Amino acid sequence: VVAATTQSRNVSVARNELYQATETMVSAHNSNVHTIAVASGARVAVSVSGGGTAIKVIDLERKCVLRQLSRGTTTNMVPTLSLSADGALCVCVSESGTLHCYWTGDVP
């Protein structure tokens, strides 16, 4: 079971594997986090803040931001954010209707 929540500028992901619960919190953004997606393996997550211009790729085991993906310079809410099961592909849709696809890189 994986649950992701936003807490101001931090990304918080809680996992429960074989009755062992863990929580990861990473400071990722300069403004409040708006949307989070977690790969089904739960090793990688992506998040976007309310401004919607930058998507952060987060390593949940090392508790750090791996890289930043740019969605553009125009601020816009991003209510839809998704990751492939292996975390290598990220897709987002902004409220203006633009669709962005990213190769997140070789995820550890």
PDB file of N, CA and C in Angstrom:
ATOM      1  N   VAL A   1       0.848  -1.170   0.000  1.00  0.00           N
ATOM      2  CA  VAL A   1       0.000   0.000   0.000  1.00  0.00           C
ATOM      3  C   VAL A   1       0.893   1.232   0.000  1.00  0.00           C
ATOM      4  N   VAL A   2       0.604   2.177  -0.868  1.00  0.00           N
ATOM      5  CA  VAL A   2       1.360   3.418  -0.936  1.00  0.00           C
ATOM      6  C   VAL A   2       0.383   4.575  -0.834  1.00  0.00           C
ATOM      7  N   ALA A   3       0.677   5.534   0.013  1.00  0.00           N
ATOM      8  CA  ALA A   3      -0.149   6.729   0.134  1.00  0.00           C
ATOM      9  C   ALA A   3       0.751   7.940   0.021  1.00  0.00           C
ATOM     10  N   ALA A   4       0.361   8.917  -0.771  1.00  0.00           N
ATOM     11  CA  ALA A   4       1.157  10.126  -0.941  1.00  0.00           C
ATOM     12  C   ALA A   4       0.338  11.330  -0.508  1.00  0.00           C
ATOM     13  N   THR A   5       0.964  12.207   0.240  1.00  0.00           N
ATOM     14  CA  THR A   5       0.283  13.420   0.685  1.00  0.00           C
ATOM     15  C   THR A   5       1.197  14.617   0.508  1.00  0.00           C
ATOM     16  N   THR A   6       0.602  15.782   0.431  1.00  0.00           N
ATOM     17  CA  THR A   6       1.387  17.008   0.366  1.00  0.00           C
ATOM     18  C   THR A   6       1.380  17.650   1.737  1.00  0.00           C
ATOM     19  N   GLN A   7       2.485  18.265   2.064  1.00  0.00           N
ATOM     20  CA  GLN A   7       2.598  18.942   3.351  1.00  0.00           C
ATOM     21  C   GLN A   7       3.479  20.161   3.108  1.00  0.00           C
ATOM     22  N   SER A   8       2.874  21.277   2.854  1.00  0.00           N
ATOM     23  CA  SER A   8       3.545  22.516   2.465  1.00  0.00           C
ATOM     24  C   SER A   8       4.501  22.264   1.310  1.00  0.00           C
ATOM     25  N   ARG A   9       5.787  22.465   1.478  1.00  0.00           N
ATOM     26  CA  ARG A   9       6.751  22.317   0.382  1.00  0.00           C
ATOM     27  C   ARG A   9       7.380  20.935   0.328  1.00  0.00           C
ATOM     28  N   ASN A  10       6.972  20.049   1.228  1.00  0.00           N
ATOM     29  CA  ASN A  10       7.562  18.720   1.322  1.00  0.00           C
ATOM     30  C   ASN A  10       6.691  17.683   0.640  1.00  0.00           C
ATOM     31  N   VAL A  11       7.323  16.638   0.144  1.00  0.00           N
ATOM     32  CA  VAL A  11       6.614  15.488  -0.399  1.00  0.00           C
ATOM     33  C   VAL A  11       6.723  14.390   0.641  1.00  0.00           C
ATOM     34  N   SER A  12       5.591  13.829   1.037  1.00  0.00           N
ATOM     35  CA  SER A  12       5.574  12.784   2.047  1.00  0.00           C
ATOM     36  C   SER A  12       4.917  11.542   1.452  1.00  0.00           C
ATOM     37  N   VAL A  13       5.621  10.424   1.480  1.00  0.00           N
ATOM     38  CA  VAL A  13       5.100   9.166   0.938  1.00  0.00           C
ATOM     39  C   VAL A  13       5.206   8.105   2.015  1.00  0.00           C
ATOM     40  N   ALA A  14       4.077   7.477   2.320  1.00  0.00           N
ATOM     41  CA  ALA A  14       4.041   6.403   3.315  1.00  0.00           C
ATOM     42  C   ALA A  14       3.852   5.077   2.592  1.00  0.00           C
ATOM     43  N   ARG A  15       4.626   4.062   3.004  1.00  0.00           N
ATOM     44  CA  ARG A  15       4.538   2.733   2.400  1.00  0.00           C
ATOM     45  C   ARG A  15       4.326   1.694   3.481  1.00  0.00           C
ATOM     46  N   ASN A  16       3.590   0.651   3.139  1.00  0.00           N
ATOM     47  CA  ASN A  16       3.405  -0.461   4.056  1.00  0.00           C
ATOM     48  C   ASN A  16       3.662  -1.745   3.270  1.00  0.00           C
ATOM     49  N   GLU A  17       4.830  -2.324   3.501  1.00  0.00           N
ATOM     50  CA  GLU A  17       5.212  -3.546   2.802  1.00  0.00           C
ATOM     51  C   GLU A  17       5.431  -4.644   3.828  1.00  0.00           C
ATOM     52  N   LEU A  18       4.707  -5.717   3.696  1.00  0.00           N
ATOM     53  CA  LEU A  18       4.846  -6.858   4.601  1.00  0.00           C
ATOM     54  C   LEU A  18       4.829  -6.439   6.062  1.00  0.00           C
ATOM     55  N   TYR A  19       3.850  -5.637   6.390  1.00  0.00           N
ATOM     56  CA  TYR A  19       3.609  -5.188   7.757  1.00  0.00           C
ATOM     57  C   TYR A  19       4.715  -4.286   8.307  1.00  0.00           C
ATOM     58  N   GLN A  20       5.518  -3.738   7.435  1.00  0.00           N
ATOM     59  CA  GLN A  20       6.554  -2.812   7.870  1.00  0.00           C
ATOM     60  C   GLN A  20       6.258  -1.453   7.248  1.00  0.00           C
ATOM     61  N   ALA A  21       5.840  -0.520   8.069  1.00  0.00           N
ATOM     62  CA  ALA A  21       5.466   0.813   7.583  1.00  0.00           C
ATOM     63  C   ALA A  21       6.686   1.727   7.580  1.00  0.00           C
ATOM     64  N   THR A  22       6.820   2.496   6.502  1.00  0.00           N
ATOM     65  CA  THR A  22       7.889   3.489   6.420  1.00  0.00           C
ATOM     66  C   THR A  22       7.308   4.778   5.865  1.00  0.00           C
ATOM     67  N   GLU A  23       7.935   5.887   6.198  1.00  0.00           N
ATOM     68  CA  GLU A  23       7.507   7.171   5.663  1.00  0.00           C
ATOM     69  C   GLU A  23       8.739   7.925   5.188  1.00  0.00           C
ATOM     70  N   THR A  24       8.601   8.556   4.010  1.00  0.00           N
ATOM     71  CA  THR A  24       9.682   9.340   3.428  1.00  0.00           C
ATOM     72  C   THR A  24       9.204  10.762   3.253  1.00  0.00           C
ATOM     73  N   MET A  25       9.995  11.727   3.743  1.00  0.00           N
ATOM     74  CA  MET A  25       9.660  13.125   3.536  1.00  0.00           C
ATOM     75  C   MET A  25      10.859  13.806   2.896  1.00  0.00           C
ATOM     76  N   VAL A  26      10.593  14.521   1.778  1.00  0.00           N
ATOM     77  CA  VAL A  26      11.652  15.192   1.030  1.00  0.00           C
ATOM     78  C   VAL A  26      11.224  16.631   0.786  1.00  0.00           C
ATOM     79  N   SER A  27      12.103  17.570   1.073  1.00  0.00           N
ATOM     80  CA  SER A  27      11.847  18.973   0.759  1.00  0.00           C
ATOM     81  C   SER A  27      12.147  19.165  -0.719  1.00  0.00           C
ATOM     82  N   ALA A  28      11.116  19.476  -1.516  1.00  0.00           N
ATOM     83  CA  ALA A  28      11.298  19.448  -2.968  1.00  0.00           C
ATOM     84  C   ALA A  28      10.968  20.755  -3.680  1.00  0.00           C
ATOM     85  N   HIS A  29      10.112  21.589  -3.113  1.00  0.00           N
ATOM     86  CA  HIS A  29       9.627  22.758  -3.840  1.00  0.00           C
ATOM     87  C   HIS A  29       9.761  24.034  -3.011  1.00  0.00           C
ATOM     88  N   ASN A  30       9.705  25.173  -3.698  1.00  0.00           N
ATOM     89  CA  ASN A  30       9.731  26.473  -3.025  1.00  0.00           C
ATOM     90  C   ASN A  30       8.336  26.954  -2.659  1.00  0.00           C
ATOM     91  N   SER A  31       7.303  26.321  -3.217  1.00  0.00           N
ATOM     92  CA  SER A  31       5.920  26.645  -2.868  1.00  0.00           C
ATOM     93  C   SER A  31       5.183  25.346  -2.576  1.00  0.00           C
ATOM     94  N   ASN A  32       3.940  25.428  -2.162  1.00  0.00           N
ATOM     95  CA  ASN A  32       3.192  24.246  -1.751  1.00  0.00           C
ATOM     96  C   ASN A  32       3.060  23.222  -2.870  1.00  0.00           C
ATOM     97  N   VAL A  33       3.221  21.959  -2.504  1.00  0.00           N
ATOM     98  CA  VAL A  33       3.069  20.856  -3.451  1.00  0.00           C
ATOM     99  C   VAL A  33       1.593  20.715  -3.796  1.00  0.00           C
ATOM    100  N   HIS A  34       1.305  20.525  -5.081  1.00  0.00           N
ATOM    101  CA  HIS A  34      -0.076  20.401  -5.529  1.00  0.00           C
ATOM    102  C   HIS A  34      -0.437  18.966  -5.909  1.00  0.00           C
ATOM    103  N   THR A  35       0.437  18.269  -6.642  1.00  0.00           N
ATOM    104  CA  THR A  35       0.120  16.931  -7.136  1.00  0.00           C
ATOM    105  C   THR A  35       1.337  16.022  -6.987  1.00  0.00           C
ATOM    106  N   ILE A  36       1.080  14.767  -6.613  1.00  0.00           N
ATOM    107  CA  ILE A  36       2.132  13.759  -6.458  1.00  0.00           C
ATOM    108  C   ILE A  36       1.715  12.493  -7.187  1.00  0.00           C
ATOM    109  N   ALA A  37       2.684  11.826  -7.819  1.00  0.00           N
ATOM    110  CA  ALA A  37       2.458  10.496  -8.387  1.00  0.00           C
ATOM    111  C   ALA A  37       3.606   9.605  -7.926  1.00  0.00           C
ATOM    112  N   VAL A  38       3.282   8.331  -7.635  1.00  0.00           N
ATOM    113  CA  VAL A  38       4.281   7.382  -7.152  1.00  0.00           C
ATOM    114  C   VAL A  38       4.299   6.185  -8.091  1.00  0.00           C
ATOM    115  N   ALA A  39       5.497   5.754  -8.487  1.00  0.00           N
ATOM    116  CA  ALA A  39       5.622   4.548  -9.308  1.00  0.00           C
ATOM    117  C   ALA A  39       5.173   3.351  -8.481  1.00  0.00           C
ATOM    118  N   SER A  40       4.584   2.354  -9.124  1.00  0.00           N
ATOM    119  CA  SER A  40       4.032   1.229  -8.368  1.00  0.00           C
ATOM    120  C   SER A  40       5.090   0.487  -7.568  1.00  0.00           C
ATOM    121  N   GLY A  41       6.342   0.537  -7.999  1.00  0.00           N
ATOM    122  CA  GLY A  41       7.422  -0.042  -7.206  1.00  0.00           C
ATOM    123  C   GLY A  41       7.741   0.813  -6.001  1.00  0.00           C
ATOM    124  N   ALA A  42       7.229   2.043  -5.970  1.00  0.00           N
ATOM    125  CA  ALA A  42       7.374   3.003  -4.863  1.00  0.00           C
ATOM    126  C   ALA A  42       8.817   3.399  -4.592  1.00  0.00           C
ATOM    127  N   ARG A  43       9.690   3.255  -5.574  1.00  0.00           N
ATOM    128  CA  ARG A  43      11.081   3.712  -5.414  1.00  0.00           C
ATOM    129  C   ARG A  43      11.217   5.173  -5.843  1.00  0.00           C
ATOM    130  N   VAL A  44      10.367   5.581  -6.801  1.00  0.00           N
ATOM    131  CA  VAL A  44      10.442   6.926  -7.367  1.00  0.00           C
ATOM    132  C   VAL A  44       9.071   7.584  -7.303  1.00  0.00           C
ATOM    133  N   ALA A  45       9.081   8.898  -7.077  1.00  0.00           N
ATOM    134  CA  ALA A  45       7.849   9.690  -7.111  1.00  0.00           C
ATOM    135  C   ALA A  45       8.136  10.950  -7.918  1.00  0.00           C
ATOM    136  N   VAL A  46       7.079  11.582  -8.413  1.00  0.00           N
ATOM    137  CA  VAL A  46       7.193  12.897  -9.041  1.00  0.00           C
ATOM    138  C   VAL A  46       6.196  13.814  -8.360  1.00  0.00           C
ATOM    139  N   SER A  47       6.543  15.096  -8.309  1.00  0.00           N
ATOM    140  CA  SER A  47       5.648  16.064  -7.679  1.00  0.00           C
ATOM    141  C   SER A  47       5.717  17.369  -8.449  1.00  0.00           C
ATOM    142  N   VAL A  48       4.639  18.136  -8.335  1.00  0.00           N
ATOM    143  CA  VAL A  48       4.590  19.460  -8.956  1.00  0.00           C
ATOM    144  C   VAL A  48       3.944  20.410  -7.955  1.00  0.00           C
ATOM    145  N   SER A  49       4.462  21.628  -7.901  1.00  0.00           N
ATOM    146  CA  SER A  49       3.915  22.612  -6.971  1.00  0.00           C
ATOM    147  C   SER A  49       2.744  23.345  -7.611  1.00  0.00           C
ATOM    148  N   GLY A  50       2.157  24.271  -6.880  1.00  0.00           N
ATOM    149  CA  GLY A  50       1.002  25.021  -7.369  1.00  0.00           C
ATOM    150  C   GLY A  50       1.290  25.836  -8.606  1.00  0.00           C
ATOM    151  N   GLY A  51       2.529  26.287  -8.780  1.00  0.00           N
ATOM    152  CA  GLY A  51       2.885  27.065  -9.974  1.00  0.00           C
ATOM    153  C   GLY A  51       2.904  26.217 -11.232  1.00  0.00           C
ATOM    154  N   GLY A  52       3.245  24.945 -11.086  1.00  0.00           N
ATOM    155  CA  GLY A  52       3.173  24.006 -12.189  1.00  0.00           C
ATOM    156  C   GLY A  52       4.263  24.116 -13.238  1.00  0.00           C
ATOM    157  N   THR A  53       5.321  24.864 -12.974  1.00  0.00           N
ATOM    158  CA  THR A  53       6.360  25.009 -14.000  1.00  0.00           C
ATOM    159  C   THR A  53       7.464  23.968 -13.886  1.00  0.00           C
ATOM    160  N   ALA A  54       7.618  23.344 -12.721  1.00  0.00           N
ATOM    161  CA  ALA A  54       8.686  22.366 -12.530  1.00  0.00           C
ATOM    162  C   ALA A  54       8.149  21.093 -11.893  1.00  0.00           C
ATOM    163  N   ILE A  55       8.539  19.964 -12.456  1.00  0.00           N
ATOM    164  CA  ILE A  55       8.200  18.658 -11.906  1.00  0.00           C
ATOM    165  C   ILE A  55       9.481  18.087 -11.313  1.00  0.00           C
ATOM    166  N   LYS A  56       9.414  17.653 -10.069  1.00  0.00           N
ATOM    167  CA  LYS A  56      10.590  17.098  -9.396  1.00  0.00           C
ATOM    168  C   LYS A  56      10.503  15.574  -9.399  1.00  0.00           C
ATOM    169  N   VAL A  57      11.589  14.909  -9.782  1.00  0.00           N
ATOM    170  CA  VAL A  57      11.703  13.455  -9.730  1.00  0.00           C
ATOM    171  C   VAL A  57      12.438  13.135  -8.431  1.00  0.00           C
ATOM    172  N   ILE A  58      11.806  12.336  -7.565  1.00  0.00           N
ATOM    173  CA  ILE A  58      12.307  12.101  -6.214  1.00  0.00           C
ATOM    174  C   ILE A  58      12.661  10.633  -6.015  1.00  0.00           C
ATOM    175  N   ASP A  59      13.848  10.387  -5.501  1.00  0.00           N
ATOM    176  CA  ASP A  59      14.268   9.046  -5.111  1.00  0.00           C
ATOM    177  C   ASP A  59      13.810   8.845  -3.670  1.00  0.00           C
ATOM    178  N   LEU A  60      12.869   7.938  -3.464  1.00  0.00           N
ATOM    179  CA  LEU A  60      12.283   7.750  -2.131  1.00  0.00           C
ATOM    180  C   LEU A  60      13.207   7.015  -1.176  1.00  0.00           C
ATOM    181  N   GLU A  61      14.144   6.228  -1.704  1.00  0.00           N
ATOM    182  CA  GLU A  61      15.051   5.511  -0.822  1.00  0.00           C
ATOM    183  C   GLU A  61      16.204   6.401  -0.357  1.00  0.00           C
ATOM    184  N   ARG A  62      16.744   7.198  -1.269  1.00  0.00           N
ATOM    185  CA  ARG A  62      17.839   8.101  -0.896  1.00  0.00           C
ATOM    186  C   ARG A  62      17.323   9.425  -0.343  1.00  0.00           C
ATOM    187  N   LYS A  63      16.004   9.643  -0.430  1.00  0.00           N
ATOM    188  CA  LYS A  63      15.342  10.844   0.093  1.00  0.00           C
ATOM    189  C   LYS A  63      15.938  12.120  -0.485  1.00  0.00           C
ATOM    190  N   CYS A  64      15.962  12.172  -1.830  1.00  0.00           N
ATOM    191  CA  CYS A  64      16.513  13.348  -2.496  1.00  0.00           C
ATOM    192  C   CYS A  64      15.825  13.570  -3.841  1.00  0.00           C
ATOM    193  N   VAL A  65      15.949  14.790  -4.354  1.00  0.00           N
ATOM    194  CA  VAL A  65      15.447  15.108  -5.688  1.00  0.00           C
ATOM    195  C   VAL A  65      16.509  14.675  -6.683  1.00  0.00           C
ATOM    196  N   LEU A  66      16.135  13.784  -7.620  1.00  0.00           N
ATOM    197  CA  LEU A  66      17.070  13.296  -8.630  1.00  0.00           C
ATOM    198  C   LEU A  66      17.268  14.305  -9.748  1.00  0.00           C
ATOM    199  N   ARG A  67      16.161  14.898 -10.187  1.00  0.00           N
ATOM    200  CA  ARG A  67      16.231  15.877 -11.273  1.00  0.00           C
ATOM    201  C   ARG A  67      14.955  16.690 -11.325  1.00  0.00           C
ATOM    202  N   GLN A  68      15.011  17.764 -12.081  1.00  0.00           N
ATOM    203  CA  GLN A  68      13.857  18.636 -12.279  1.00  0.00           C
ATOM    204  C   GLN A  68      13.496  18.634 -13.758  1.00  0.00           C
ATOM    205  N   LEU A  69      12.206  18.490 -14.040  1.00  0.00           N
ATOM    206  CA  LEU A  69      11.694  18.535 -15.409  1.00  0.00           C
ATOM    207  C   LEU A  69      10.947  19.851 -15.584  1.00  0.00           C
ATOM    208  N   SER A  70      11.195  20.548 -16.672  1.00  0.00           N
ATOM    209  CA  SER A  70      10.553  21.843 -16.896  1.00  0.00           C
ATOM    210  C   SER A  70       9.284  21.674 -17.730  1.00  0.00           C
ATOM    211  N   ARG A  71       8.168  22.236 -17.230  1.00  0.00           N
ATOM    212  CA  ARG A  71       6.909  22.190 -17.953  1.00  0.00           C
ATOM    213  C   ARG A  71       6.704  23.474 -18.749  1.00  0.00           C
ATOM    214  N   GLY A  72       7.544  24.458 -18.554  1.00  0.00           N
ATOM    215  CA  GLY A  72       7.420  25.746 -19.233  1.00  0.00           C
ATOM    216  C   GLY A  72       7.562  26.871 -18.234  1.00  0.00           C
ATOM    217  N   THR A  73       7.317  28.104 -18.695  1.00  0.00           N
ATOM    218  CA  THR A  73       7.484  29.255 -17.807  1.00  0.00           C
ATOM    219  C   THR A  73       6.154  29.866 -17.382  1.00  0.00           C
ATOM    220  N   THR A  74       5.070  29.477 -18.026  1.00  0.00           N
ATOM    221  CA  THR A  74       3.749  29.993 -17.671  1.00  0.00           C
ATOM    222  C   THR A  74       3.179  29.184 -16.516  1.00  0.00           C
ATOM    223  N   THR A  75       2.845  29.864 -15.418  1.00  0.00           N
ATOM    224  CA  THR A  75       2.269  29.142 -14.283  1.00  0.00           C
ATOM    225  C   THR A  75       0.888  28.610 -14.643  1.00  0.00           C
ATOM    226  N   ASN A  76       0.636  27.389 -14.192  1.00  0.00           N
ATOM    227  CA  ASN A  76      -0.625  26.726 -14.469  1.00  0.00           C
ATOM    228  C   ASN A  76      -0.733  25.520 -13.542  1.00  0.00           C
ATOM    229  N   MET A  77      -1.894  25.281 -12.989  1.00  0.00           N
ATOM    230  CA  MET A  77      -2.095  24.121 -12.125  1.00  0.00           C
ATOM    231  C   MET A  77      -1.967  22.845 -12.958  1.00  0.00           C
ATOM    232  N   VAL A  78      -1.392  21.815 -12.339  1.00  0.00           N
ATOM    233  CA  VAL A  78      -1.233  20.517 -12.992  1.00  0.00           C
ATOM    234  C   VAL A  78      -1.972  19.479 -12.143  1.00  0.00           C
ATOM    235  N   PRO A  79      -3.264  19.273 -12.433  1.00  0.00           N
ATOM    236  CA  PRO A  79      -4.030  18.337 -11.618  1.00  0.00           C
ATOM    237  C   PRO A  79      -3.778  16.871 -11.961  1.00  0.00           C
ATOM    238  N   THR A  80      -3.215  16.598 -13.146  1.00  0.00           N
ATOM    239  CA  THR A  80      -2.990  15.218 -13.571  1.00  0.00           C
ATOM    240  C   THR A  80      -1.502  14.975 -13.758  1.00  0.00           C
ATOM    241  N   LEU A  81      -0.980  14.036 -12.997  1.00  0.00           N
ATOM    242  CA  LEU A  81       0.434  13.685 -13.036  1.00  0.00           C
ATOM    243  C   LEU A  81       0.522  12.176 -12.856  1.00  0.00           C
ATOM    244  N   SER A  82       1.275  11.508 -13.743  1.00  0.00           N
ATOM    245  CA  SER A  82       1.333  10.051 -13.677  1.00  0.00           C
ATOM    246  C   SER A  82       2.734   9.558 -14.011  1.00  0.00           C
ATOM    247  N   LEU A  83       3.077   8.403 -13.448  1.00  0.00           N
ATOM    248  CA  LEU A  83       4.360   7.749 -13.705  1.00  0.00           C
ATOM    249  C   LEU A  83       4.122   6.349 -14.226  1.00  0.00           C
ATOM    250  N   SER A  84       5.012   5.884 -15.101  1.00  0.00           N
ATOM    251  CA  SER A  84       4.947   4.484 -15.518  1.00  0.00           C
ATOM    252  C   SER A  84       5.353   3.608 -14.328  1.00  0.00           C
ATOM    253  N   ALA A  85       5.060   2.322 -14.410  1.00  0.00           N
ATOM    254  CA  ALA A  85       5.346   1.415 -13.293  1.00  0.00           C
ATOM    255  C   ALA A  85       6.817   1.414 -12.909  1.00  0.00           C
ATOM    256  N   ASP A  86       7.717   1.561 -13.892  1.00  0.00           N
ATOM    257  CA  ASP A  86       9.144   1.559 -13.580  1.00  0.00           C
ATOM    258  C   ASP A  86       9.685   2.950 -13.276  1.00  0.00           C
ATOM    259  N   GLY A  87       8.851   3.977 -13.375  1.00  0.00           N
ATOM    260  CA  GLY A  87       9.247   5.335 -13.052  1.00  0.00           C
ATOM    261  C   GLY A  87      10.025   6.048 -14.139  1.00  0.00           C
ATOM    262  N   ALA A  88      10.186   5.425 -15.301  1.00  0.00           N
ATOM    263  CA  ALA A  88      11.002   6.015 -16.369  1.00  0.00           C
ATOM    264  C   ALA A  88      10.246   7.048 -17.202  1.00  0.00           C
ATOM    265  N   LEU A  89       8.921   6.975 -17.237  1.00  0.00           N
ATOM    266  CA  LEU A  89       8.122   7.924 -18.014  1.00  0.00           C
ATOM    267  C   LEU A  89       7.159   8.672 -17.108  1.00  0.00           C
ATOM    268  N   CYS A  90       7.018   9.967 -17.371  1.00  0.00           N
ATOM    269  CA  CYS A  90       6.105  10.818 -16.610  1.00  0.00           C
ATOM    270  C   CYS A  90       5.218  11.564 -17.601  1.00  0.00           C
ATOM    271  N   VAL A  91       3.935  11.645 -17.294  1.00  0.00           N
ATOM    272  CA  VAL A  91       2.980  12.380 -18.124  1.00  0.00           C
ATOM    273  C   VAL A  91       2.211  13.329 -17.217  1.00  0.00           C
ATOM    274  N   CYS A  92       1.988  14.558 -17.700  1.00  0.00           N
ATOM    275  CA  CYS A  92       1.162  15.489 -16.940  1.00  0.00           C
ATOM    276  C   CYS A  92       0.257  16.260 -17.894  1.00  0.00           C
ATOM    277  N   VAL A  93      -0.858  16.709 -17.354  1.00  0.00           N
ATOM    278  CA  VAL A  93      -1.799  17.544 -18.103  1.00  0.00           C
ATOM    279  C   VAL A  93      -2.100  18.754 -17.227  1.00  0.00           C
ATOM    280  N   SER A  94      -1.946  19.949 -17.793  1.00  0.00           N
ATOM    281  CA  SER A  94      -2.216  21.172 -17.039  1.00  0.00           C
ATOM    282  C   SER A  94      -3.668  21.587 -17.225  1.00  0.00           C
ATOM    283  N   GLU A  95      -4.108  22.550 -16.421  1.00  0.00           N
ATOM    284  CA  GLU A  95      -5.489  23.026 -16.536  1.00  0.00           C
ATOM    285  C   GLU A  95      -5.756  23.719 -17.867  1.00  0.00           C
ATOM    286  N   SER A  96      -4.705  24.160 -18.564  1.00  0.00           N
ATOM    287  CA  SER A  96      -4.905  24.763 -19.885  1.00  0.00           C
ATOM    288  C   SER A  96      -5.105  23.693 -20.956  1.00  0.00           C
ATOM    289  N   GLY A  97      -4.917  22.408 -20.568  1.00  0.00           N
ATOM    290  CA  GLY A  97      -5.145  21.315 -21.498  1.00  0.00           C
ATOM    291  C   GLY A  97      -3.890  20.822 -22.195  1.00  0.00           C
ATOM    292  N   THR A  98      -2.731  21.398 -21.871  1.00  0.00           N
ATOM    293  CA  THR A  98      -1.505  20.924 -22.509  1.00  0.00           C
ATOM    294  C   THR A  98      -1.070  19.601 -21.897  1.00  0.00           C
ATOM    295  N   LEU A  99      -0.562  18.728 -22.758  1.00  0.00           N
ATOM    296  CA  LEU A  99      -0.078  17.411 -22.352  1.00  0.00           C
ATOM    297  C   LEU A  99       1.435  17.400 -22.511  1.00  0.00           C
ATOM    298  N   HIS A 100       2.132  16.948 -21.492  1.00  0.00           N
ATOM    299  CA  HIS A 100       3.582  16.866 -21.539  1.00  0.00           C
ATOM    300  C   HIS A 100       3.999  15.450 -21.191  1.00  0.00           C
ATOM    301  N   CYS A 101       4.939  14.899 -21.972  1.00  0.00           N
ATOM    302  CA  CYS A 101       5.505  13.573 -21.710  1.00  0.00           C
ATOM    303  C   CYS A 101       7.001  13.736 -21.481  1.00  0.00           C
ATOM    304  N   TYR A 102       7.532  13.065 -20.472  1.00  0.00           N
ATOM    305  CA  TYR A 102       8.941  13.196 -20.110  1.00  0.00           C
ATOM    306  C   TYR A 102       9.571  11.829 -19.932  1.00  0.00           C
ATOM    307  N   TRP A 103      10.828  11.753 -20.326  1.00  0.00           N
ATOM    308  CA  TRP A 103      11.672  10.628 -19.948  1.00  0.00           C
ATOM    309  C   TRP A 103      12.350  11.082 -18.668  1.00  0.00           C
ATOM    310  N   THR A 104      12.062  10.433 -17.571  1.00  0.00           N
ATOM    311  CA  THR A 104      12.602  10.897 -16.295  1.00  0.00           C
ATOM    312  C   THR A 104      14.068  10.530 -16.123  1.00  0.00           C
ATOM    313  N   GLY A 105      14.582   9.745 -17.023  1.00  0.00           N
ATOM    314  CA  GLY A 105      15.973   9.334 -16.937  1.00  0.00           C
ATOM    315  C   GLY A 105      16.061   7.913 -16.436  1.00  0.00           C
ATOM    316  N   ASP A 106      17.274   7.445 -16.352  1.00  0.00           N
ATOM    317  CA  ASP A 106      17.484   6.108 -15.820  1.00  0.00           C
ATOM    318  C   ASP A 106      17.288   6.182 -14.320  1.00  0.00           C
ATOM    319  N   VAL A 107      16.207   5.576 -13.860  1.00  0.00           N
ATOM    320  CA  VAL A 107      15.892   5.615 -12.437  1.00  0.00           C
ATOM    321  C   VAL A 107      16.657   4.513 -11.750  1.00  0.00           C
ATOM    322  N   PRO A 108      17.240   4.834 -10.612  1.00  0.00           N
ATOM    323  CA  PRO A 108      18.030   3.807  -9.904  1.00  0.00           C
ATOM    324  C   PRO A 108      17.167   2.670  -9.421  1.00  0.00           C
TER     325      PRO A 108
END
